[in-house]
Amino acid sequence: MTVHALTIDLEDWHQLFHKRLTAEVIRPTPTVVDTTHCLLDMLDEADVRATFFVLGNVADAYPELVREVAQRGHEVGSHTYSHELISLMKPTAFKADVERSLFKLQVLTGEPILGFRAPEFSVGHLRHWCFEILAELGFRYDSSVFPLSRVRYGIPEAPRDPFTIATPSGMIYEYPLATWDVGRFRLPVAGGSYFRLLPGRLLHRALNDIDAEERTAVFYFHPYEFYPGWLNPSWSAWRRSLRASNLKFALSRILLHNFRTNLIGQRLKSLMEHFKFVPLGDIYRTTVRGQRREHEHSRE
């Protein structure tokens, strides 16, 4: 059976929604702790470990939460500090932001941070300057590439399988998000909203096919997608949206985030019963060991 990667973008829905609605930056809310605990308990029940790409500002606000993630056997990676889209940042600002995240996560976990994921997969293309900065900072792998066309974060020319990106500062291993080729069509099946919009049987069939081809599938989720309640913004965000005439936008985003969200946990549980998932760092280390063995054999 092929091993697949389960990854979590650990961020606070309330904080990001408030910023998108009002352009105001607030502290992460306690909801991120509650939602993460729901997810951690579900993973414990399934005896599955994952990679948590953690926002630095969440780590600053709730350091014990990050320690708990690591203590419960999960890998910790970086999701930047502030969740700014890379496409809107300058290289110097990006480097400073990620360095701040990296230092905080290393202190909290006592472990090197190997992996990175860009907010909203915002790398844009395979020649982006961010990969050189990641290699310079000591990251070994990235998982920000979605090999898709016709979506705002897609990179259609990207390979479906893991590949390497050479930079002047070293090599970065890239683990793209899961897609499924059906005839002439390529469908995104990696997680998030796709797990509530696509039929459960189709997701099983997709992973069966990927598994049979011995391809590594990388899935991604967010803690708030496993929260049993309804996510609503704060009253201050509501007031600001009314003042800015953003009520229509706010309502549409709230409905989008809560629509059939309960199906995500159900469908992931079903997949975890039938397929093997591990942290992405485990797959990276297996890849490196395999390449070293091949190199040693070639020298004999």
Protein backbone atom coordinates (compact mmCIF):
# COMPACT_ATOMS: atom_id res chain seq x y z
CA MET A 1 0.00 0.00 0.00
CA THR A 2 1.29 3.45 -0.93
CA VAL A 3 1.90 5.90 1.90
CA HIS A 4 0.16 9.28 1.63
CA ALA A 5 0.71 12.56 3.45
CA LEU A 6 -1.81 14.24 5.74
CA THR A 7 -1.12 17.94 6.32
CA ILE A 8 -2.90 20.60 8.37
CA ASP A 9 -2.65 24.38 7.95
CA LEU A 10 -2.92 25.49 11.57
CA GLU A 11 -4.53 28.93 11.42
CA ASP A 12 -7.42 30.74 13.07
CA TRP A 13 -10.52 31.24 10.91
CA HIS A 14 -11.71 34.19 13.01
CA GLN A 15 -8.44 36.06 12.71
CA LEU A 16 -8.13 35.59 8.95
CA PHE A 17 -11.81 36.31 8.31
CA HIS A 18 -11.66 39.49 10.39
CA LYS A 19 -8.63 40.70 8.45
CA ARG A 20 -10.24 39.92 5.09
CA LEU A 21 -13.42 41.68 6.14
CA THR A 22 -11.95 44.75 7.83
CA ALA A 23 -8.22 44.86 6.88
CA GLU A 24 -7.56 44.97 10.63
CA VAL A 25 -5.13 42.49 12.21
CA ILE A 26 -6.36 40.94 15.46
CA ARG A 27 -4.86 38.35 17.77
CA PRO A 28 -5.78 34.70 17.06
CA THR A 29 -8.86 33.72 19.04
CA PRO A 30 -9.34 30.79 21.46
CA THR A 31 -11.42 29.06 18.80
CA VAL A 32 -8.18 27.93 17.13
CA VAL A 33 -7.36 25.95 20.29
CA ASP A 34 -10.80 24.33 20.42
CA THR A 35 -10.84 23.41 16.75
CA THR A 36 -7.30 22.01 16.87
CA HIS A 37 -8.18 19.87 19.88
CA CYS A 38 -11.16 18.43 17.95
CA LEU A 39 -8.83 17.48 15.11
CA LEU A 40 -6.09 16.10 17.37
CA ASP A 41 -8.60 13.85 19.13
CA MET A 42 -9.88 12.57 15.80
CA LEU A 43 -6.36 11.77 14.64
CA ASP A 44 -5.58 10.02 17.93
CA GLU A 45 -8.67 7.88 17.52
CA ALA A 46 -7.54 6.87 14.01
CA ASP A 47 -3.90 6.44 15.16
CA VAL A 48 -2.75 8.78 12.38
CA ARG A 49 -0.01 11.39 12.56
CA ALA A 50 0.16 14.48 10.35
CA THR A 51 2.23 17.53 9.49
CA PHE A 52 0.90 20.77 11.01
CA PHE A 53 2.01 23.85 9.07
CA VAL A 54 1.67 26.39 11.88
CA LEU A 55 1.22 30.15 11.61
CA GLY A 56 3.81 31.95 13.70
CA ASN A 57 1.26 34.36 15.16
CA VAL A 58 -0.78 31.39 16.41
CA ALA A 59 2.38 29.96 17.99
CA ASP A 60 2.99 33.31 19.70
CA ALA A 61 -0.57 33.49 21.01
CA TYR A 62 -0.88 29.83 22.05
CA PRO A 63 2.58 28.28 22.51
CA GLU A 64 1.20 25.39 24.56
CA LEU A 65 -0.97 24.38 21.61
CA VAL A 66 2.08 23.99 19.37
CA ARG A 67 3.90 22.03 22.08
CA GLU A 68 0.87 19.76 22.40
CA VAL A 69 0.79 19.13 18.64
CA ALA A 70 4.44 18.05 18.76
CA GLN A 71 4.04 16.03 21.97
CA ARG A 72 1.16 14.08 20.43
CA GLY A 73 3.50 12.86 17.71
CA HIS A 74 2.83 15.25 14.84
CA GLU A 75 5.38 17.08 12.72
CA VAL A 76 5.46 20.89 12.88
CA GLY A 77 6.19 22.95 9.77
CA SER A 78 5.96 26.66 8.94
CA HIS A 79 3.01 28.43 7.33
CA THR A 80 4.75 31.86 7.60
CA TYR A 81 4.24 34.15 10.57
CA SER A 82 1.48 36.48 9.38
CA HIS A 83 -0.30 34.60 6.54
CA GLU A 84 0.51 37.29 4.00
CA LEU A 85 0.25 36.08 0.41
CA ILE A 86 3.73 35.61 -1.04
CA SER A 87 2.55 37.09 -4.32
CA LEU A 88 2.06 40.42 -2.49
CA MET A 89 5.39 40.42 -0.62
CA LYS A 90 8.90 41.58 -1.38
CA PRO A 91 11.75 39.07 -0.86
CA THR A 92 13.17 40.90 2.17
CA ALA A 93 9.79 41.07 3.89
CA PHE A 94 9.08 37.42 3.13
CA LYS A 95 12.43 36.31 4.52
CA ALA A 96 11.96 38.31 7.74
CA ASP A 97 8.44 36.94 8.19
CA VAL A 98 9.46 33.32 7.70
CA GLU A 99 12.58 33.69 9.88
CA ARG A 100 10.36 34.95 12.69
CA SER A 101 8.08 31.92 12.30
CA LEU A 102 10.99 29.51 12.03
CA PHE A 103 12.68 30.73 15.22
CA LYS A 104 9.47 30.51 17.24
CA LEU A 105 8.59 27.00 16.06
CA GLN A 106 12.10 25.66 16.65
CA VAL A 107 12.13 27.01 20.19
CA LEU A 108 8.72 25.50 20.98
CA THR A 109 9.37 22.06 19.49
CA GLY A 110 13.11 21.69 20.08
CA GLU A 111 13.31 20.21 16.59
CA PRO A 112 14.50 21.47 13.19
CA ILE A 113 11.66 22.70 11.00
CA LEU A 114 11.94 20.94 7.65
CA GLY A 115 8.75 21.85 5.80
CA PHE A 116 6.97 24.95 4.55
CA ARG A 117 3.61 25.79 3.00
CA ALA A 118 2.70 29.14 1.49
CA PRO A 119 -0.56 30.82 2.56
CA GLU A 120 -3.22 29.95 0.00
CA PHE A 121 -0.57 28.21 -2.18
CA SER A 122 0.53 31.66 -3.34
CA VAL A 123 3.90 30.81 -4.92
CA GLY A 124 2.53 31.47 -8.42
CA HIS A 125 5.16 29.64 -10.51
CA LEU A 126 8.03 27.17 -10.19
CA ARG A 127 10.77 29.81 -10.68
CA HIS A 128 9.61 31.96 -7.79
CA TRP A 129 12.30 33.62 -5.66
CA CYS A 130 10.70 32.22 -2.49
CA PHE A 131 12.25 28.77 -3.07
CA GLU A 132 15.79 30.16 -2.87
CA ILE A 133 14.95 31.92 0.40
CA LEU A 134 13.42 28.74 1.83
CA ALA A 135 16.58 26.78 0.97
CA GLU A 136 18.75 29.56 2.45
CA LEU A 137 16.78 29.37 5.70
CA GLY A 138 17.32 25.63 5.95
CA PHE A 139 13.98 24.25 4.80
CA ARG A 140 14.24 20.88 3.11
CA TYR A 141 10.83 20.59 1.49
CA ASP A 142 7.84 22.64 0.40
CA SER A 143 4.21 21.75 -0.26
CA SER A 144 2.72 24.86 -1.87
CA VAL A 145 2.27 23.77 -5.49
CA PHE A 146 -1.17 22.85 -6.85
CA PRO A 147 -0.71 21.32 -10.34
CA LEU A 148 -3.96 22.70 -11.74
CA SER A 149 -5.17 25.09 -14.40
CA ARG A 150 -8.11 27.48 -14.23
CA VAL A 151 -7.80 28.20 -10.50
CA ARG A 152 -6.20 31.29 -8.96
CA TYR A 153 -3.52 29.32 -7.12
CA GLY A 154 -2.88 26.64 -9.75
CA ILE A 155 0.41 26.00 -11.58
CA PRO A 156 -0.66 23.92 -14.60
CA GLU A 157 2.86 23.10 -15.78
CA ALA A 158 3.83 21.60 -12.42
CA PRO A 159 4.30 17.80 -12.18
CA ARG A 160 1.73 15.77 -10.26
CA ASP A 161 4.43 13.71 -8.53
CA PRO A 162 7.03 14.96 -6.04
CA PHE A 163 9.95 16.74 -7.69
CA THR A 164 12.94 18.90 -6.82
CA ILE A 165 13.54 22.61 -7.34
CA ALA A 166 17.18 23.68 -7.73
CA THR A 167 18.12 27.09 -6.30
CA PRO A 168 21.48 28.88 -5.79
CA SER A 169 21.05 28.18 -2.06
CA GLY A 170 20.35 24.48 -2.42
CA MET A 171 17.69 21.96 -3.37
CA ILE A 172 14.07 22.07 -2.27
CA TYR A 173 11.92 18.96 -2.49
CA GLU A 174 8.42 19.84 -3.67
CA TYR A 175 5.38 17.76 -2.71
CA PRO A 176 2.42 19.01 -4.80
CA LEU A 177 -1.17 18.74 -3.63
CA ALA A 178 -3.21 15.73 -4.74
CA THR A 179 -4.94 15.74 -8.10
CA TRP A 180 -6.66 12.98 -10.07
CA ASP A 181 -6.47 12.64 -13.85
CA VAL A 182 -9.68 11.32 -15.40
CA GLY A 183 -9.37 11.19 -19.18
CA ARG A 184 -8.59 14.71 -20.35
CA PHE A 185 -9.61 16.23 -17.04
CA ARG A 186 -7.61 16.85 -13.88
CA LEU A 187 -9.63 17.09 -10.67
CA PRO A 188 -8.43 18.54 -7.36
CA VAL A 189 -8.99 15.98 -4.59
CA ALA A 190 -6.51 17.27 -2.00
CA GLY A 191 -8.89 18.30 0.79
CA GLY A 192 -10.49 21.44 2.14
CA SER A 193 -13.56 22.50 0.19
CA TYR A 194 -13.14 19.63 -2.27
CA PHE A 195 -14.05 17.22 0.52
CA ARG A 196 -17.46 18.83 0.98
CA LEU A 197 -18.25 19.52 -2.67
CA LEU A 198 -17.15 16.23 -4.26
CA PRO A 199 -19.06 12.97 -3.62
CA GLY A 200 -17.49 10.69 -1.03
CA ARG A 201 -17.41 7.73 -3.42
CA LEU A 202 -15.53 9.80 -5.97
CA LEU A 203 -12.88 10.67 -3.37
CA HIS A 204 -12.45 6.99 -2.55
CA ARG A 205 -12.16 6.11 -6.22
CA ALA A 206 -9.61 8.88 -6.78
CA LEU A 207 -7.40 7.71 -3.93
CA ASN A 208 -7.78 4.09 -5.00
CA ASP A 209 -6.47 5.03 -8.45
CA ILE A 210 -3.63 7.14 -7.03
CA ASP A 211 -2.76 4.34 -4.63
CA ALA A 212 -2.76 1.74 -7.42
CA GLU A 213 -0.36 3.93 -9.44
CA GLU A 214 1.92 4.07 -6.37
CA ARG A 215 1.75 7.86 -6.33
CA THR A 216 2.09 9.90 -3.17
CA ALA A 217 -1.03 11.96 -2.50
CA VAL A 218 -0.73 15.06 -0.31
CA PHE A 219 -3.92 16.15 1.46
CA TYR A 220 -4.51 19.41 3.32
CA PHE A 221 -7.08 20.57 5.87
CA HIS A 222 -7.60 23.28 8.49
CA PRO A 223 -8.61 22.78 12.15
CA TYR A 224 -11.75 24.89 11.76
CA GLU A 225 -13.08 22.37 9.22
CA PHE A 226 -13.46 19.85 12.06
CA TYR A 227 -15.29 22.14 14.48
CA PRO A 228 -18.77 20.77 15.24
CA GLY A 229 -20.41 24.19 15.54
CA TRP A 230 -21.17 27.10 13.23
CA LEU A 231 -18.35 29.59 12.73
CA ASN A 232 -19.42 33.25 12.92
CA PRO A 233 -17.31 36.39 13.00
CA SER A 234 -17.24 38.63 16.05
CA TRP A 235 -19.72 41.47 16.57
CA SER A 236 -16.96 43.99 15.91
CA ALA A 237 -16.36 42.40 12.51
CA TRP A 238 -20.11 42.55 11.79
CA ARG A 239 -20.22 46.24 12.69
CA ARG A 240 -17.24 47.05 10.53
CA SER A 241 -18.70 45.13 7.60
CA LEU A 242 -21.91 47.13 7.87
CA ARG A 243 -20.01 50.41 7.95
CA ALA A 244 -17.97 49.39 4.91
CA SER A 245 -21.02 48.02 3.06
CA ASN A 246 -19.37 44.58 3.06
CA LEU A 247 -22.37 42.71 4.46
CA LYS A 248 -23.00 40.76 1.24
CA PHE A 249 -19.38 39.67 1.12
CA ALA A 250 -19.42 38.70 4.80
CA LEU A 251 -22.57 36.59 4.45
CA SER A 252 -21.26 34.82 1.37
CA ARG A 253 -17.97 33.94 3.08
CA ILE A 254 -19.72 32.68 6.21
CA LEU A 255 -22.06 30.47 4.20
CA LEU A 256 -19.14 29.16 2.15
CA HIS A 257 -17.10 28.22 5.20
CA ASN A 258 -20.02 26.52 6.97
CA PHE A 259 -21.67 24.81 3.97
CA ARG A 260 -21.48 21.00 4.42
CA THR A 261 -18.35 21.40 6.51
CA ASN A 262 -19.40 18.46 8.68
CA LEU A 263 -18.80 16.17 5.68
CA ILE A 264 -15.06 16.89 5.70
CA GLY A 265 -14.41 15.02 8.94
CA GLN A 266 -16.68 12.14 7.94
CA ARG A 267 -14.92 11.67 4.62
CA LEU A 268 -11.44 11.97 6.05
CA LYS A 269 -12.27 9.37 8.72
CA SER A 270 -13.42 6.99 6.02
CA LEU A 271 -10.23 7.46 4.01
CA MET A 272 -8.05 6.98 7.11
CA GLU A 273 -9.70 3.59 7.64
CA HIS A 274 -8.72 2.38 4.16
CA PHE A 275 -5.44 4.13 3.33
CA LYS A 276 -2.17 4.86 5.12
CA PHE A 277 -1.34 8.46 6.05
CA VAL A 278 1.85 9.80 7.63
CA PRO A 279 3.48 13.21 8.17
CA LEU A 280 5.00 14.71 5.06
CA GLY A 281 8.39 14.86 6.75
CA ASP A 282 8.41 11.06 7.00
CA ILE A 283 7.94 10.81 3.22
CA TYR A 284 10.73 13.35 2.68
CA ARG A 285 13.15 11.38 4.88
CA THR A 286 12.27 8.13 3.12
CA THR A 287 12.91 9.81 -0.24
CA VAL A 288 16.33 11.08 0.87
CA ARG A 289 17.36 7.71 2.31
CA GLY A 290 16.36 6.00 -0.93
CA GLN A 291 18.38 8.44 -3.01
CA ARG A 292 21.42 7.96 -0.79
CA ARG A 293 21.21 4.19 -1.18
CA GLU A 294 20.95 4.55 -4.95
CA HIS A 295 23.97 6.86 -4.96
CA GLU A 296 26.00 4.39 -2.86
CA HIS A 297 25.07 1.50 -5.15
CA SER A 298 26.07 3.51 -8.23
CA ARG A 299 29.52 4.10 -6.73
CA GLU A 300 30.15 0.39 -6.05
